[in-house]
Amino acid sequence: MADVLYEQGHLNTVVQKAIEMGFPKEQAIYCATYTPCQRMHFYDRGVIAPGTLADFILLKDPAKLLEPETVFKNGISIYKKEDRQAFPVEPYAFPEDFYHSVSIPEVTLSDFEIKAPIEEGEVTVRVIKVHPDRTQTTEKLVTMQVKEHKICWQESGCLLAMVLERHGKNGNIGYGFLTGSCQREGTVATTFFHDHHNLFVAGNDPEDMLFAVQRIGELQGGFLTVKDGQILSELALPVCGILSEASIEATGSALKEVRESLIDLGYEHHNPIMSVGTLGLPVSPALKLTDHGLIDVKRGEIVPLVLSCS
């Protein structure tokens, strides 16, 4: 996660800590370079040898991996400590259409009304139960009241969840409900939603949810929280709805605000960002939400939201 990367560092920090704790520095470097490259089948890197990429650093003090004197990429020096900065690198330019990837039909408050097959009575519905220690969910059956063909979900203690197809393909909207370790109040919305990365929104107030969806559209992708008509936190992801071109400092700081906001709203999870982002992952058990509706992952089937009526 960008905030953890910015605040705590990456593998260089891990290696530095290992060395400080007494791990042999050659072994620490080996474990962080050659070993993972072999594991990921990146046979052209991870070692200085003929036929491999010349990616390496020069150290004045081998014990201080976070303070390289020079950094080489593909055999070219791209950083010298004495210059106090990296050499300029031409930024990568994404195609223009990458910045216009959130394409959804006009959404109104009526889209947040869940219709029931009966006029009055009760329905038993499938609910996604979020757990605090994993991204896998379980299915929970909850009884909800129905009035004038509408499911009164706000009286159930569950959150309404929706997935809006945002790639301009079919305009689908999938509906579901959340319970468990998700937030207790407020709204979360994101296009960082594995694997289909459609627009996901979940909350306890349809007006806030509509506002969040519209804001995501303005940003052309992102991750944000809303409560009482106010944006609590926001990370813009304008490149395909999943990437930021801002600095690691800006991206990490914004993501940290989203994370802290989710926790303030009651989300109980060791990684609430990843928990939200995988509620639509249709390859991870047990019940997930896509623009086609609820997916029973173990059965590999789309299943109806309403099981029975009375």
C-alpha atoms as a PDB file:
ATOM      1  CA  MET A   1       0.000   0.000   0.000  1.00  0.00           C
ATOM      2  CA  ALA A   2       1.263   3.452  -0.967  1.00  0.00           C
ATOM      3  CA  ASP A   3       1.042   4.898   2.546  1.00  0.00           C
ATOM      4  CA  VAL A   4       3.005   2.015   4.057  1.00  0.00           C
ATOM      5  CA  LEU A   5       5.550   2.198   1.228  1.00  0.00           C
ATOM      6  CA  TYR A   6       6.067   5.911   1.812  1.00  0.00           C
ATOM      7  CA  GLU A   7       6.251   5.765   5.589  1.00  0.00           C
ATOM      8  CA  GLN A   8       8.081   2.474   6.122  1.00  0.00           C
ATOM      9  CA  GLY A   9       9.972   1.807   2.908  1.00  0.00           C
ATOM     10  CA  HIS A  10      10.206  -1.311   0.760  1.00  0.00           C
ATOM     11  CA  LEU A  11      12.649  -4.217   0.532  1.00  0.00           C
ATOM     12  CA  ASN A  12      15.621  -1.937   1.167  1.00  0.00           C
ATOM     13  CA  THR A  13      14.165  -1.122   4.577  1.00  0.00           C
ATOM     14  CA  VAL A  14      13.563  -4.803   5.306  1.00  0.00           C
ATOM     15  CA  VAL A  15      17.138  -5.684   4.356  1.00  0.00           C
ATOM     16  CA  GLN A  16      18.513  -2.814   6.446  1.00  0.00           C
ATOM     17  CA  LYS A  17      16.546  -3.988   9.461  1.00  0.00           C
ATOM     18  CA  ALA A  18      17.704  -7.583   8.959  1.00  0.00           C
ATOM     19  CA  ILE A  19      21.343  -6.471   8.906  1.00  0.00           C
ATOM     20  CA  GLU A  20      20.877  -4.364  12.043  1.00  0.00           C
ATOM     21  CA  MET A  21      19.413  -7.425  13.780  1.00  0.00           C
ATOM     22  CA  GLY A  22      22.509  -9.479  12.966  1.00  0.00           C
ATOM     23  CA  PHE A  23      21.588 -11.175   9.673  1.00  0.00           C
ATOM     24  CA  PRO A  24      24.724 -11.518   7.462  1.00  0.00           C
ATOM     25  CA  LYS A  25      24.538  -8.617   4.982  1.00  0.00           C
ATOM     26  CA  GLU A  26      25.468 -10.759   1.961  1.00  0.00           C
ATOM     27  CA  GLN A  27      22.687 -13.205   2.807  1.00  0.00           C
ATOM     28  CA  ALA A  28      20.207 -10.387   3.405  1.00  0.00           C
ATOM     29  CA  ILE A  29      20.929  -8.885  -0.010  1.00  0.00           C
ATOM     30  CA  TYR A  30      20.797 -12.334  -1.622  1.00  0.00           C
ATOM     31  CA  CYS A  31      17.390 -13.050  -0.055  1.00  0.00           C
ATOM     32  CA  ALA A  32      15.955  -9.738  -1.279  1.00  0.00           C
ATOM     33  CA  THR A  33      17.328  -9.872  -4.828  1.00  0.00           C
ATOM     34  CA  TYR A  34      18.379 -13.166  -6.364  1.00  0.00           C
ATOM     35  CA  THR A  35      15.918 -15.383  -4.474  1.00  0.00           C
ATOM     36  CA  PRO A  36      12.699 -13.476  -5.340  1.00  0.00           C
ATOM     37  CA  CYS A  37      13.854 -13.010  -8.934  1.00  0.00           C
ATOM     38  CA  GLN A  38      14.218 -16.768  -9.278  1.00  0.00           C
ATOM     39  CA  ARG A  39      10.863 -17.307  -7.618  1.00  0.00           C
ATOM     40  CA  MET A  40       9.162 -14.928 -10.076  1.00  0.00           C
ATOM     41  CA  HIS A  41      11.087 -16.306 -13.074  1.00  0.00           C
ATOM     42  CA  PHE A  42      12.872 -12.983 -13.633  1.00  0.00           C
ATOM     43  CA  TYR A  43      16.015 -14.740 -14.756  1.00  0.00           C
ATOM     44  CA  ASP A  44      17.454 -11.611 -16.371  1.00  0.00           C
ATOM     45  CA  ARG A  45      17.978  -9.787 -13.062  1.00  0.00           C
ATOM     46  CA  GLY A  46      18.863 -10.276  -9.421  1.00  0.00           C
ATOM     47  CA  VAL A  47      22.537 -10.996 -10.105  1.00  0.00           C
ATOM     48  CA  ILE A  48      25.442  -9.242 -11.807  1.00  0.00           C
ATOM     49  CA  ALA A  49      26.439 -11.592 -14.623  1.00  0.00           C
ATOM     50  CA  PRO A  50      26.719 -11.716 -18.424  1.00  0.00           C
ATOM     51  CA  GLY A  51      23.338 -11.559 -20.138  1.00  0.00           C
ATOM     52  CA  THR A  52      21.499  -9.993 -17.192  1.00  0.00           C
ATOM     53  CA  LEU A  53      20.224  -6.465 -16.602  1.00  0.00           C
ATOM     54  CA  ALA A  54      22.864  -4.190 -15.138  1.00  0.00           C
ATOM     55  CA  ASP A  55      20.691  -2.972 -12.262  1.00  0.00           C
ATOM     56  CA  PHE A  56      22.845  -2.389  -9.185  1.00  0.00           C
ATOM     57  CA  ILE A  57      23.966   0.099  -6.548  1.00  0.00           C
ATOM     58  CA  LEU A  58      27.377   1.120  -5.258  1.00  0.00           C
ATOM     59  CA  LEU A  59      27.748   1.448  -1.497  1.00  0.00           C
ATOM     60  CA  LYS A  60      30.387   3.260   0.480  1.00  0.00           C
ATOM     61  CA  ASP A  61      29.276   1.518   3.654  1.00  0.00           C
ATOM     62  CA  PRO A  62      27.809  -1.953   2.885  1.00  0.00           C
ATOM     63  CA  ALA A  63      25.820  -1.770   6.115  1.00  0.00           C
ATOM     64  CA  LYS A  64      23.858   1.274   4.924  1.00  0.00           C
ATOM     65  CA  LEU A  65      21.724   0.046   2.043  1.00  0.00           C
ATOM     66  CA  LEU A  66      19.471   3.087   2.286  1.00  0.00           C
ATOM     67  CA  GLU A  67      22.378   5.379   1.406  1.00  0.00           C
ATOM     68  CA  PRO A  68      23.755   4.259  -1.986  1.00  0.00           C
ATOM     69  CA  GLU A  69      26.520   6.318  -3.549  1.00  0.00           C
ATOM     70  CA  THR A  70      25.365   5.549  -7.094  1.00  0.00           C
ATOM     71  CA  VAL A  71      22.407   3.740  -8.647  1.00  0.00           C
ATOM     72  CA  PHE A  72      22.612   2.072 -12.053  1.00  0.00           C
ATOM     73  CA  LYS A  73      19.653   1.033 -14.227  1.00  0.00           C
ATOM     74  CA  ASN A  74      20.355  -0.965 -17.380  1.00  0.00           C
ATOM     75  CA  GLY A  75      23.998  -0.042 -16.947  1.00  0.00           C
ATOM     76  CA  ILE A  76      23.282   3.693 -16.879  1.00  0.00           C
ATOM     77  CA  SER A  77      23.943   5.818 -13.814  1.00  0.00           C
ATOM     78  CA  ILE A  78      20.605   7.358 -12.799  1.00  0.00           C
ATOM     79  CA  TYR A  79      21.532   8.674  -9.343  1.00  0.00           C
ATOM     80  CA  LYS A  80      24.609   9.982  -7.585  1.00  0.00           C
ATOM     81  CA  LYS A  81      24.549  10.843  -3.914  1.00  0.00           C
ATOM     82  CA  GLU A  82      26.990  13.685  -4.451  1.00  0.00           C
ATOM     83  CA  ASP A  83      24.473  15.372  -6.763  1.00  0.00           C
ATOM     84  CA  ARG A  84      21.752  15.005  -4.126  1.00  0.00           C
ATOM     85  CA  GLN A  85      19.188  14.101  -6.777  1.00  0.00           C
ATOM     86  CA  ALA A  86      18.322  11.612  -9.437  1.00  0.00           C
ATOM     87  CA  PHE A  87      19.023  12.349 -13.074  1.00  0.00           C
ATOM     88  CA  PRO A  88      15.932  13.544 -14.960  1.00  0.00           C
ATOM     89  CA  VAL A  89      13.860  10.733 -16.406  1.00  0.00           C
ATOM     90  CA  GLU A  90      11.345  11.270 -19.170  1.00  0.00           C
ATOM     91  CA  PRO A  91       7.885  10.502 -17.702  1.00  0.00           C
ATOM     92  CA  TYR A  92       5.808   7.843 -19.361  1.00  0.00           C
ATOM     93  CA  ALA A  93       2.839   9.222 -21.301  1.00  0.00           C
ATOM     94  CA  PHE A  94      -0.359   7.176 -21.146  1.00  0.00           C
ATOM     95  CA  PRO A  95      -2.798   7.268 -24.080  1.00  0.00           C
ATOM     96  CA  GLU A  96      -5.417  10.002 -23.707  1.00  0.00           C
ATOM     97  CA  ASP A  97      -8.329   7.575 -23.386  1.00  0.00           C
ATOM     98  CA  PHE A  98      -6.724   6.130 -20.242  1.00  0.00           C
ATOM     99  CA  TYR A  99      -7.859   9.324 -18.493  1.00  0.00           C
ATOM    100  CA  HIS A 100     -11.498   8.851 -19.519  1.00  0.00           C
ATOM    101  CA  SER A 101     -12.266   5.351 -18.297  1.00  0.00           C
ATOM    102  CA  VAL A 102     -15.213   5.996 -15.962  1.00  0.00           C
ATOM    103  CA  SER A 103     -18.236   5.891 -18.234  1.00  0.00           C
ATOM    104  CA  ILE A 104     -21.564   5.276 -16.494  1.00  0.00           C
ATOM    105  CA  PRO A 105     -25.150   6.237 -17.363  1.00  0.00           C
ATOM    106  CA  GLU A 106     -26.777   8.987 -15.322  1.00  0.00           C
ATOM    107  CA  VAL A 107     -27.500   7.714 -11.815  1.00  0.00           C
ATOM    108  CA  THR A 108     -30.408   8.993  -9.687  1.00  0.00           C
ATOM    109  CA  LEU A 109     -31.706   8.267  -6.190  1.00  0.00           C
ATOM    110  CA  SER A 110     -34.203   5.811  -7.653  1.00  0.00           C
ATOM    111  CA  ASP A 111     -31.268   3.549  -8.582  1.00  0.00           C
ATOM    112  CA  PHE A 112     -30.640   3.063  -4.865  1.00  0.00           C
ATOM    113  CA  GLU A 113     -34.101   1.558  -4.290  1.00  0.00           C
ATOM    114  CA  ILE A 114     -34.030  -2.243  -4.160  1.00  0.00           C
ATOM    115  CA  LYS A 115     -37.184  -3.759  -5.606  1.00  0.00           C
ATOM    116  CA  ALA A 116     -38.807  -6.858  -4.087  1.00  0.00           C
ATOM    117  CA  PRO A 117     -41.048  -9.396  -5.856  1.00  0.00           C
ATOM    118  CA  ILE A 118     -43.803  -8.743  -3.299  1.00  0.00           C
ATOM    119  CA  GLU A 119     -45.672  -5.568  -2.360  1.00  0.00           C
ATOM    120  CA  GLU A 120     -45.672  -6.008   1.431  1.00  0.00           C
ATOM    121  CA  GLY A 121     -44.123  -8.513   3.827  1.00  0.00           C
ATOM    122  CA  GLU A 122     -40.653  -9.922   4.372  1.00  0.00           C
ATOM    123  CA  VAL A 123     -37.839 -11.220   2.223  1.00  0.00           C
ATOM    124  CA  THR A 124     -34.797 -13.287   3.101  1.00  0.00           C
ATOM    125  CA  VAL A 125     -31.728 -11.938   1.332  1.00  0.00           C
ATOM    126  CA  ARG A 126     -28.119 -12.928   0.884  1.00  0.00           C
ATOM    127  CA  VAL A 127     -25.692 -10.617   2.692  1.00  0.00           C
ATOM    128  CA  ILE A 128     -21.920 -10.411   2.333  1.00  0.00           C
ATOM    129  CA  LYS A 129     -20.334 -10.740   5.769  1.00  0.00           C
ATOM    130  CA  VAL A 130     -16.942  -9.043   6.030  1.00  0.00           C
ATOM    131  CA  HIS A 131     -14.311 -10.492   8.393  1.00  0.00           C
ATOM    132  CA  PRO A 132     -11.549  -8.516  10.147  1.00  0.00           C
ATOM    133  CA  ASP A 133      -8.651 -10.856   9.402  1.00  0.00           C
ATOM    134  CA  ARG A 134      -9.055 -11.858   5.749  1.00  0.00           C
ATOM    135  CA  THR A 135     -10.444 -10.806   2.382  1.00  0.00           C
ATOM    136  CA  GLN A 136     -12.615 -13.911   2.092  1.00  0.00           C
ATOM    137  CA  THR A 137     -16.241 -13.325   3.028  1.00  0.00           C
ATOM    138  CA  THR A 138     -19.113 -15.558   4.077  1.00  0.00           C
ATOM    139  CA  GLU A 139     -22.759 -15.573   3.148  1.00  0.00           C
ATOM    140  CA  LYS A 140     -25.293 -14.569   5.782  1.00  0.00           C
ATOM    141  CA  LEU A 141     -29.065 -14.778   5.419  1.00  0.00           C
ATOM    142  CA  VAL A 142     -30.961 -11.759   6.742  1.00  0.00           C
ATOM    143  CA  THR A 143     -34.691 -11.039   6.859  1.00  0.00           C
ATOM    144  CA  MET A 144     -35.741  -7.573   5.714  1.00  0.00           C
ATOM    145  CA  GLN A 145     -39.096  -5.835   5.592  1.00  0.00           C
ATOM    146  CA  VAL A 146     -40.779  -4.892   2.314  1.00  0.00           C
ATOM    147  CA  LYS A 147     -43.051  -1.911   1.794  1.00  0.00           C
ATOM    148  CA  GLU A 148     -44.540  -0.893  -1.551  1.00  0.00           C
ATOM    149  CA  HIS A 149     -42.299  -3.363  -3.393  1.00  0.00           C
ATOM    150  CA  LYS A 150     -39.155  -1.833  -1.825  1.00  0.00           C
ATOM    151  CA  ILE A 151     -36.755  -3.610   0.511  1.00  0.00           C
ATOM    152  CA  CYS A 152     -36.350  -1.552   3.701  1.00  0.00           C
ATOM    153  CA  TRP A 153     -32.656  -2.331   4.045  1.00  0.00           C
ATOM    154  CA  GLN A 154     -31.899   0.737   6.172  1.00  0.00           C
ATOM    155  CA  GLU A 155     -33.855  -0.831   9.034  1.00  0.00           C
ATOM    156  CA  SER A 156     -31.819  -4.050   8.881  1.00  0.00           C
ATOM    157  CA  GLY A 157     -28.478  -2.808  10.184  1.00  0.00           C
ATOM    158  CA  CYS A 158     -26.842  -3.743   6.877  1.00  0.00           C
ATOM    159  CA  LEU A 159     -25.204  -1.448   4.349  1.00  0.00           C
ATOM    160  CA  LEU A 160     -26.343  -1.237   0.753  1.00  0.00           C
ATOM    161  CA  ALA A 161     -23.618  -2.164  -1.737  1.00  0.00           C
ATOM    162  CA  MET A 162     -23.687  -1.521  -5.467  1.00  0.00           C
ATOM    163  CA  VAL A 163     -21.370  -2.177  -8.397  1.00  0.00           C
ATOM    164  CA  LEU A 164     -21.833   0.034 -11.446  1.00  0.00           C
ATOM    165  CA  GLU A 165     -20.272  -1.121 -14.702  1.00  0.00           C
ATOM    166  CA  ARG A 166     -18.046   1.824 -15.574  1.00  0.00           C
ATOM    167  CA  HIS A 167     -16.239   0.726 -18.746  1.00  0.00           C
ATOM    168  CA  GLY A 168     -19.076   1.857 -21.007  1.00  0.00           C
ATOM    169  CA  LYS A 169     -20.022  -1.690 -22.004  1.00  0.00           C
ATOM    170  CA  ASN A 170     -23.522  -2.427 -20.698  1.00  0.00           C
ATOM    171  CA  GLY A 171     -24.518  -0.045 -17.883  1.00  0.00           C
ATOM    172  CA  ASN A 172     -25.160  -2.920 -15.461  1.00  0.00           C
ATOM    173  CA  ILE A 173     -25.755  -2.319 -11.762  1.00  0.00           C
ATOM    174  CA  GLY A 174     -25.282  -5.172  -9.308  1.00  0.00           C
ATOM    175  CA  TYR A 175     -26.861  -4.983  -5.839  1.00  0.00           C
ATOM    176  CA  GLY A 176     -25.917  -6.541  -2.523  1.00  0.00           C
ATOM    177  CA  PHE A 177     -25.729  -5.899   1.205  1.00  0.00           C
ATOM    178  CA  LEU A 178     -22.823  -5.800   3.665  1.00  0.00           C
ATOM    179  CA  THR A 179     -22.522  -6.680   7.334  1.00  0.00           C
ATOM    180  CA  GLY A 180     -19.789  -7.730   9.738  1.00  0.00           C
ATOM    181  CA  SER A 181     -16.530  -5.789   9.945  1.00  0.00           C
ATOM    182  CA  CYS A 182     -17.427  -3.184   7.318  1.00  0.00           C
ATOM    183  CA  GLN A 183     -17.963   0.445   8.286  1.00  0.00           C
ATOM    184  CA  ARG A 184     -20.884   1.177  10.600  1.00  0.00           C
ATOM    185  CA  GLU A 185     -21.827   4.480   8.982  1.00  0.00           C
ATOM    186  CA  GLY A 186     -20.926   6.709   6.075  1.00  0.00           C
ATOM    187  CA  THR A 187     -20.138   5.734   2.506  1.00  0.00           C
ATOM    188  CA  VAL A 188     -17.103   4.342   0.713  1.00  0.00           C
ATOM    189  CA  ALA A 189     -16.682   4.362  -3.069  1.00  0.00           C
ATOM    190  CA  THR A 190     -13.856   3.202  -5.319  1.00  0.00           C
ATOM    191  CA  THR A 191     -12.840   2.037  -8.781  1.00  0.00           C
ATOM    192  CA  PHE A 192      -9.889   0.167  -7.263  1.00  0.00           C
ATOM    193  CA  PHE A 193     -12.016  -2.974  -7.121  1.00  0.00           C
ATOM    194  CA  HIS A 194     -10.385  -6.270  -8.112  1.00  0.00           C
ATOM    195  CA  ASP A 195     -10.521  -7.813 -10.677  1.00  0.00           C
ATOM    196  CA  HIS A 196     -13.040  -6.002 -12.851  1.00  0.00           C
ATOM    197  CA  HIS A 197     -12.391  -2.563 -11.309  1.00  0.00           C
ATOM    198  CA  ASN A 198     -15.941  -1.380 -11.783  1.00  0.00           C
ATOM    199  CA  LEU A 199     -17.325   1.402  -9.594  1.00  0.00           C
ATOM    200  CA  PHE A 200     -18.180   0.110  -6.121  1.00  0.00           C
ATOM    201  CA  VAL A 201     -20.143   2.069  -3.530  1.00  0.00           C
ATOM    202  CA  ALA A 202     -21.424   1.015  -0.114  1.00  0.00           C
ATOM    203  CA  GLY A 203     -23.126   3.016   2.598  1.00  0.00           C
ATOM    204  CA  ASN A 204     -26.095   3.689   4.813  1.00  0.00           C
ATOM    205  CA  ASP A 205     -27.432   6.820   3.090  1.00  0.00           C
ATOM    206  CA  PRO A 206     -28.558   6.818  -0.589  1.00  0.00           C
ATOM    207  CA  GLU A 207     -27.915  10.553  -0.953  1.00  0.00           C
ATOM    208  CA  ASP A 208     -24.325  10.179   0.244  1.00  0.00           C
ATOM    209  CA  MET A 209     -23.898   7.175  -2.014  1.00  0.00           C
ATOM    210  CA  LEU A 210     -25.145   9.117  -5.037  1.00  0.00           C
ATOM    211  CA  PHE A 211     -22.810  11.989  -4.162  1.00  0.00           C
ATOM    212  CA  ALA A 212     -19.876   9.564  -3.888  1.00  0.00           C
ATOM    213  CA  VAL A 213     -20.652   8.001  -7.277  1.00  0.00           C
ATOM    214  CA  GLN A 214     -20.839  11.414  -8.916  1.00  0.00           C
ATOM    215  CA  ARG A 215     -17.562  12.479  -7.313  1.00  0.00           C
ATOM    216  CA  ILE A 216     -15.806   9.341  -8.536  1.00  0.00           C
ATOM    217  CA  GLY A 217     -17.047  10.232 -12.012  1.00  0.00           C
ATOM    218  CA  GLU A 218     -15.597  13.722 -11.719  1.00  0.00           C
ATOM    219  CA  LEU A 219     -12.245  12.308 -10.627  1.00  0.00           C
ATOM    220  CA  GLN A 220     -12.366   9.631 -13.339  1.00  0.00           C
ATOM    221  CA  GLY A 221     -11.584   7.066 -10.701  1.00  0.00           C
ATOM    222  CA  GLY A 222     -10.461   6.995  -7.121  1.00  0.00           C
ATOM    223  CA  PHE A 223     -11.053   5.903  -3.540  1.00  0.00           C
ATOM    224  CA  LEU A 224     -13.046   8.098  -1.166  1.00  0.00           C
ATOM    225  CA  THR A 225     -15.289   8.263   1.883  1.00  0.00           C
ATOM    226  CA  VAL A 226     -18.349  10.454   2.443  1.00  0.00           C
ATOM    227  CA  LYS A 227     -20.645  11.262   5.351  1.00  0.00           C
ATOM    228  CA  ASP A 228     -23.483  13.777   5.687  1.00  0.00           C
ATOM    229  CA  GLY A 229     -22.826  15.163   2.223  1.00  0.00           C
ATOM    230  CA  GLN A 230     -19.151  15.874   2.953  1.00  0.00           C
ATOM    231  CA  ILE A 231     -16.052  14.226   1.511  1.00  0.00           C
ATOM    232  CA  LEU A 232     -14.039  12.871   4.433  1.00  0.00           C
ATOM    233  CA  SER A 233     -11.087  11.540   2.440  1.00  0.00           C
ATOM    234  CA  GLU A 234     -10.167  11.232  -1.202  1.00  0.00           C
ATOM    235  CA  LEU A 235      -7.504   9.663  -3.409  1.00  0.00           C
ATOM    236  CA  ALA A 236      -7.794  10.414  -7.126  1.00  0.00           C
ATOM    237  CA  LEU A 237      -6.875   7.549  -9.465  1.00  0.00           C
ATOM    238  CA  PRO A 238      -7.383   9.158 -12.890  1.00  0.00           C
ATOM    239  CA  VAL A 239      -5.353   6.699 -14.980  1.00  0.00           C
ATOM    240  CA  CYS A 240      -7.747   3.883 -15.903  1.00  0.00           C
ATOM    241  CA  GLY A 241      -9.409   4.448 -12.545  1.00  0.00           C
ATOM    242  CA  ILE A 242      -6.681   2.509 -10.751  1.00  0.00           C
ATOM    243  CA  LEU A 243      -3.456   4.525 -11.014  1.00  0.00           C
ATOM    244  CA  SER A 244      -2.152   7.847  -9.719  1.00  0.00           C
ATOM    245  CA  GLU A 245       0.583   9.934 -11.326  1.00  0.00           C
ATOM    246  CA  ALA A 246       1.057  12.004  -8.188  1.00  0.00           C
ATOM    247  CA  SER A 247       4.188  11.653  -6.058  1.00  0.00           C
ATOM    248  CA  ILE A 248       4.541   8.792  -3.609  1.00  0.00           C
ATOM    249  CA  GLU A 249       4.258  11.373  -0.817  1.00  0.00           C
ATOM    250  CA  ALA A 250       0.957  12.777  -2.118  1.00  0.00           C
ATOM    251  CA  THR A 251      -0.468   9.368  -3.014  1.00  0.00           C
ATOM    252  CA  GLY A 252       0.586   7.791   0.268  1.00  0.00           C
ATOM    253  CA  SER A 253      -0.772  10.672   2.331  1.00  0.00           C
ATOM    254  CA  ALA A 254      -4.141  10.593   0.540  1.00  0.00           C
ATOM    255  CA  LEU A 255      -4.427   6.824   0.884  1.00  0.00           C
ATOM    256  CA  LYS A 256      -3.591   7.057   4.575  1.00  0.00           C
ATOM    257  CA  GLU A 257      -6.458   9.518   5.023  1.00  0.00           C
ATOM    258  CA  VAL A 258      -8.820   7.077   3.299  1.00  0.00           C
ATOM    259  CA  ARG A 259      -7.599   4.240   5.514  1.00  0.00           C
ATOM    260  CA  GLU A 260      -7.992   6.287   8.694  1.00  0.00           C
ATOM    261  CA  SER A 261     -11.414   7.517   7.607  1.00  0.00           C
ATOM    262  CA  LEU A 262     -12.635   3.953   7.060  1.00  0.00           C
ATOM    263  CA  ILE A 263     -11.416   3.038  10.538  1.00  0.00           C
ATOM    264  CA  ASP A 264     -13.142   6.102  12.006  1.00  0.00           C
ATOM    265  CA  LEU A 265     -16.365   4.997  10.295  1.00  0.00           C
ATOM    266  CA  GLY A 266     -16.099   1.639  12.048  1.00  0.00           C
ATOM    267  CA  TYR A 267     -14.294  -0.557   9.512  1.00  0.00           C
ATOM    268  CA  GLU A 268     -12.503  -3.280  11.483  1.00  0.00           C
ATOM    269  CA  HIS A 269      -9.797  -4.895   9.378  1.00  0.00           C
ATOM    270  CA  HIS A 270      -6.006  -5.140   9.412  1.00  0.00           C
ATOM    271  CA  ASN A 271      -6.064  -3.712   5.862  1.00  0.00           C
ATOM    272  CA  PRO A 272      -9.395  -1.974   5.178  1.00  0.00           C
ATOM    273  CA  ILE A 273      -8.244  -0.718   1.753  1.00  0.00           C
ATOM    274  CA  MET A 274      -7.620  -4.252   0.512  1.00  0.00           C
ATOM    275  CA  SER A 275     -10.775  -5.520   2.207  1.00  0.00           C
ATOM    276  CA  VAL A 276     -12.937  -3.006   0.336  1.00  0.00           C
ATOM    277  CA  GLY A 277     -11.032  -3.536  -2.906  1.00  0.00           C
ATOM    278  CA  THR A 278     -11.667  -7.294  -2.910  1.00  0.00           C
ATOM    279  CA  LEU A 279     -15.396  -7.326  -2.069  1.00  0.00           C
ATOM    280  CA  GLY A 280     -15.941  -7.786  -5.796  1.00  0.00           C
ATOM    281  CA  LEU A 281     -13.167 -10.314  -6.410  1.00  0.00           C
ATOM    282  CA  PRO A 282     -15.119 -13.170  -8.028  1.00  0.00           C
ATOM    283  CA  VAL A 283     -12.370 -15.753  -7.504  1.00  0.00           C
ATOM    284  CA  SER A 284     -12.152 -15.357  -3.722  1.00  0.00           C
ATOM    285  CA  PRO A 285     -14.773 -17.146  -1.564  1.00  0.00           C
ATOM    286  CA  ALA A 286     -17.438 -17.061  -0.642  1.00  0.00           C
ATOM    287  CA  LEU A 287     -19.865 -14.329  -1.749  1.00  0.00           C
ATOM    288  CA  LYS A 288     -18.721 -11.363  -3.847  1.00  0.00           C
ATOM    289  CA  LEU A 289     -20.424  -8.595  -5.821  1.00  0.00           C
ATOM    290  CA  THR A 290     -20.016  -7.686  -9.501  1.00  0.00           C
ATOM    291  CA  ASP A 291     -22.051  -5.667 -11.987  1.00  0.00           C
ATOM    292  CA  HIS A 292     -23.845  -8.935 -12.825  1.00  0.00           C
ATOM    293  CA  GLY A 293     -24.916  -9.325  -9.191  1.00  0.00           C
ATOM    294  CA  LEU A 294     -23.839 -11.630  -6.394  1.00  0.00           C
ATOM    295  CA  ILE A 295     -21.360 -14.393  -7.177  1.00  0.00           C
ATOM    296  CA  ASP A 296     -21.261 -17.651  -5.229  1.00  0.00           C
ATOM    297  CA  VAL A 297     -17.556 -18.175  -5.814  1.00  0.00           C
ATOM    298  CA  LYS A 298     -17.370 -21.800  -4.734  1.00  0.00           C
ATOM    299  CA  ARG A 299     -20.198 -22.765  -7.071  1.00  0.00           C
ATOM    300  CA  GLY A 300     -19.047 -20.392  -9.783  1.00  0.00           C
ATOM    301  CA  GLU A 301     -22.562 -19.069 -10.257  1.00  0.00           C
ATOM    302  CA  ILE A 302     -24.494 -15.819 -10.209  1.00  0.00           C
ATOM    303  CA  VAL A 303     -27.036 -16.136  -7.406  1.00  0.00           C
ATOM    304  CA  PRO A 304     -30.158 -14.036  -6.703  1.00  0.00           C
ATOM    305  CA  LEU A 305     -30.171 -11.442  -3.957  1.00  0.00           C
ATOM    306  CA  VAL A 306     -33.594 -12.529  -2.657  1.00  0.00           C
ATOM    307  CA  LEU A 307     -33.961 -16.146  -1.574  1.00  0.00           C
ATOM    308  CA  SER A 308     -37.567 -16.224  -0.358  1.00  0.00           C
ATOM    309  CA  CYS A 309     -40.602 -14.052   0.385  1.00  0.00           C
ATOM    310  CA  SER A 310     -43.315 -14.221   2.999  1.00  0.00           C
END
